[in-house]
Amino acid sequence: MTMKMQSVWIAACVIGEIACSAAGGVGQPKKLNAPGYYIAVYATRDYEGVISVRGASNLPVGAKIALEVEGAVPVNSRGLPVPTCVAVDQKGLFLAELQVAKDVYQKKGLILDAFFVTNQCAQDPEVIRVVGHHGELLGNDDRPVTMEEVEQGETPGMRENPQLFQMSGWYFGIAAIARLD
């Protein structure tokens, strides 16, 4: 290889490196960060009486997310709501088709609630190990919430994650909604 060819080769490599750097490493996957755990959900009216739901979450694989359509949730014998539970798959996705009564299906401005609380859907032991029996590990600092913090209103992760909430019984969860127009 002549000296001129060698210089051209080196220049091409340098220019290529600069172009890749300027492009922000195009083609290389980026790690996306979230402020703790999240749920993203989309719902649409599919065919008569069916609402299709698709979503994503970084909850552990197999975590069951509860889905409820406002005004269409069946109740159990004690009068408590019974949500539809759907599991997060290996890719962090979930899908469901919810059957609702015709009068509910036709309402304008329906709301679909998607939420994760450990006492709503039967969760696998591995999911409970990761998020805590009461969801106390859903915050973003990898340590359990203490009752003292709860009483002081300083639940870890709540300032950073708008989806994180506390409910009665000292349970923690995350939630998202989708509006059907």
Protein backbone atom coordinates (compact mmCIF):
# COMPACT_ATOMS: atom_id res chain seq x y z
CA MET A 1 0.00 0.00 0.00
CA THR A 2 1.43 3.32 -1.02
CA MET A 3 1.78 6.20 1.37
CA LYS A 4 -0.94 8.16 -0.48
CA MET A 5 -3.41 5.23 -0.23
CA GLN A 6 -2.56 4.78 3.43
CA SER A 7 -3.26 8.49 4.10
CA VAL A 8 -6.61 8.26 2.25
CA TRP A 9 -7.52 5.14 4.27
CA ILE A 10 -6.72 6.83 7.59
CA ALA A 11 -8.62 9.97 6.56
CA ALA A 12 -11.66 7.88 5.58
CA CYS A 13 -11.61 6.11 8.94
CA VAL A 14 -11.36 9.41 10.83
CA ILE A 15 -14.20 10.97 8.80
CA GLY A 16 -16.32 7.85 9.34
CA GLU A 17 -15.70 8.02 13.10
CA ILE A 18 -16.61 11.71 13.20
CA ALA A 19 -19.81 11.07 11.19
CA CYS A 20 -20.87 8.24 13.52
CA SER A 21 -20.15 10.38 16.54
CA ALA A 22 -22.11 13.33 15.12
CA ALA A 23 -25.05 11.07 14.33
CA GLY A 24 -25.20 10.04 17.97
CA GLY A 25 -24.23 6.46 17.29
CA VAL A 26 -27.09 5.80 14.87
CA GLY A 27 -27.88 2.11 14.76
CA GLN A 28 -26.73 1.51 18.30
CA PRO A 29 -29.53 0.83 20.78
CA LYS A 30 -29.91 3.39 23.56
CA LYS A 31 -30.87 2.46 27.09
CA LEU A 32 -34.07 4.33 27.91
CA ASN A 33 -34.53 5.36 31.49
CA ALA A 34 -37.81 5.81 33.33
CA PRO A 35 -38.46 7.26 36.79
CA GLY A 36 -39.19 3.85 38.32
CA TYR A 37 -41.83 1.51 36.98
CA TYR A 38 -44.39 2.68 34.43
CA ILE A 39 -47.45 1.63 32.43
CA ALA A 40 -48.31 3.06 29.01
CA VAL A 41 -51.71 2.13 27.58
CA TYR A 42 -53.79 2.73 24.47
CA ALA A 43 -57.39 1.65 23.97
CA THR A 44 -59.73 1.81 21.01
CA ARG A 45 -63.23 0.71 20.14
CA ASP A 46 -62.77 -2.31 17.92
CA TYR A 47 -65.98 -3.95 16.79
CA GLU A 48 -69.39 -3.74 18.46
CA GLY A 49 -68.98 -4.20 22.20
CA VAL A 50 -65.23 -4.86 22.14
CA ILE A 51 -62.52 -2.49 23.32
CA SER A 52 -58.98 -3.41 22.25
CA VAL A 53 -56.21 -2.55 24.66
CA ARG A 54 -52.48 -2.56 24.06
CA GLY A 55 -49.78 -1.35 26.34
CA ALA A 56 -46.22 -1.50 27.55
CA SER A 57 -44.60 -1.64 30.96
CA ASN A 58 -41.23 -2.21 32.53
CA LEU A 59 -42.82 -4.24 35.34
CA PRO A 60 -41.35 -7.75 35.69
CA VAL A 61 -42.34 -10.34 33.09
CA GLY A 62 -45.61 -11.97 34.16
CA ALA A 63 -46.79 -9.00 36.25
CA LYS A 64 -50.55 -8.76 35.88
CA ILE A 65 -52.01 -5.36 35.11
CA ALA A 66 -55.65 -4.71 35.97
CA LEU A 67 -57.86 -3.17 33.28
CA GLU A 68 -61.21 -1.50 33.94
CA VAL A 69 -63.52 0.42 31.64
CA GLU A 70 -65.30 3.11 33.60
CA GLY A 71 -68.93 2.11 34.04
CA ALA A 72 -68.41 -1.43 32.73
CA VAL A 73 -66.62 -3.28 35.52
CA PRO A 74 -68.35 -6.42 36.79
CA VAL A 75 -68.60 -6.87 40.55
CA ASN A 76 -68.20 -9.95 42.72
CA SER A 77 -70.70 -11.24 45.28
CA ARG A 78 -69.42 -8.70 47.84
CA GLY A 79 -69.99 -5.82 45.44
CA LEU A 80 -66.28 -5.26 44.78
CA PRO A 81 -65.03 -4.55 41.24
CA VAL A 82 -63.47 -7.45 39.32
CA PRO A 83 -60.97 -6.07 36.80
CA THR A 84 -59.67 -7.91 33.76
CA CYS A 85 -56.07 -8.97 34.45
CA VAL A 86 -53.49 -9.17 31.68
CA ALA A 87 -49.83 -10.25 31.99
CA VAL A 88 -46.78 -8.35 30.78
CA ASP A 89 -44.91 -10.49 28.25
CA GLN A 90 -41.16 -10.99 27.61
CA LYS A 91 -41.02 -7.81 25.50
CA GLY A 92 -42.76 -5.70 28.15
CA LEU A 93 -46.04 -5.60 26.22
CA PHE A 94 -49.62 -6.57 26.99
CA LEU A 95 -52.79 -6.98 24.90
CA ALA A 96 -56.44 -7.50 25.78
CA GLU A 97 -59.92 -7.38 24.31
CA LEU A 98 -62.59 -6.24 26.74
CA GLN A 99 -66.23 -7.09 26.10
CA VAL A 100 -68.58 -4.37 27.32
CA ALA A 101 -72.34 -3.87 27.16
CA LYS A 102 -73.69 -2.02 24.13
CA ASP A 103 -74.96 0.93 26.20
CA VAL A 104 -71.50 1.40 27.76
CA TYR A 105 -69.67 0.86 24.45
CA GLN A 106 -71.61 3.69 22.82
CA LYS A 107 -70.91 6.28 25.54
CA LYS A 108 -68.69 9.20 24.61
CA GLY A 109 -65.50 9.86 26.57
CA LEU A 110 -65.06 6.39 28.07
CA ILE A 111 -62.00 5.96 30.28
CA LEU A 112 -59.89 2.81 30.53
CA ASP A 113 -57.90 2.47 33.75
CA ALA A 114 -54.75 0.32 33.68
CA PHE A 115 -53.15 -0.20 37.07
CA PHE A 116 -50.79 -2.45 38.94
CA VAL A 117 -51.44 -3.10 42.62
CA THR A 118 -50.37 -6.40 44.14
CA ASN A 119 -53.74 -7.02 45.79
CA GLN A 120 -55.83 -6.63 42.60
CA CYS A 121 -54.68 -9.49 40.36
CA ALA A 122 -53.04 -12.71 41.57
CA GLN A 123 -49.32 -12.04 41.10
CA ASP A 124 -46.61 -14.67 40.62
CA PRO A 125 -44.14 -15.08 43.53
CA GLU A 126 -41.28 -13.79 41.36
CA VAL A 127 -43.19 -10.57 40.64
CA ILE A 128 -43.89 -10.12 44.37
CA ARG A 129 -40.19 -10.69 45.12
CA VAL A 130 -39.27 -7.83 42.76
CA VAL A 131 -41.99 -5.27 43.64
CA GLY A 132 -42.71 -6.24 47.27
CA HIS A 133 -45.81 -7.82 48.79
CA HIS A 134 -47.52 -4.43 49.07
CA GLY A 135 -45.74 -2.80 46.11
CA GLU A 136 -43.34 -1.13 48.53
CA LEU A 137 -40.44 -1.59 46.07
CA LEU A 138 -42.14 0.24 43.18
CA GLY A 139 -40.25 3.44 44.05
CA ASN A 140 -37.08 4.15 42.14
CA ASP A 141 -34.45 3.77 44.82
CA ASP A 142 -34.54 -0.02 45.31
CA ARG A 143 -35.37 0.01 48.98
CA PRO A 144 -38.60 -0.71 50.84
CA VAL A 145 -40.84 2.11 51.94
CA THR A 146 -41.08 2.52 55.70
CA MET A 147 -44.25 3.45 57.56
CA GLU A 148 -42.44 6.49 58.98
CA GLU A 149 -41.83 7.79 55.45
CA VAL A 150 -45.47 7.23 54.55
CA GLU A 151 -46.65 9.14 57.61
CA GLN A 152 -44.30 12.01 56.70
CA GLY A 153 -45.54 12.01 53.11
CA GLU A 154 -42.09 11.21 51.76
CA THR A 155 -42.76 7.96 49.94
CA PRO A 156 -39.66 7.16 47.85
CA GLY A 157 -40.17 7.63 44.13
CA MET A 158 -43.43 9.60 44.26
CA ARG A 159 -41.80 12.90 43.40
CA GLU A 160 -40.06 11.38 40.39
CA ASN A 161 -42.82 9.07 39.12
CA PRO A 162 -46.23 10.62 38.44
CA GLN A 163 -47.80 7.16 38.08
CA LEU A 164 -46.84 5.94 41.57
CA PHE A 165 -49.55 6.18 44.22
CA GLN A 166 -50.41 4.91 47.68
CA MET A 167 -53.81 3.54 48.57
CA SER A 168 -55.43 2.39 51.78
CA GLY A 169 -54.11 -0.72 53.41
CA TRP A 170 -50.55 0.52 52.87
CA TYR A 171 -50.48 -0.69 49.26
CA PHE A 172 -48.54 1.07 46.52
CA GLY A 173 -49.26 0.92 42.81
CA ILE A 174 -48.82 2.54 39.43
CA ALA A 175 -51.57 3.58 37.08
CA ALA A 176 -52.30 5.03 33.66
CA ILE A 177 -55.48 5.89 31.77
CA ALA A 178 -56.57 5.89 28.15
CA ARG A 179 -59.51 7.88 26.87
CA LEU A 180 -61.74 6.41 24.20
CA ASP A 181 -63.39 9.03 21.99
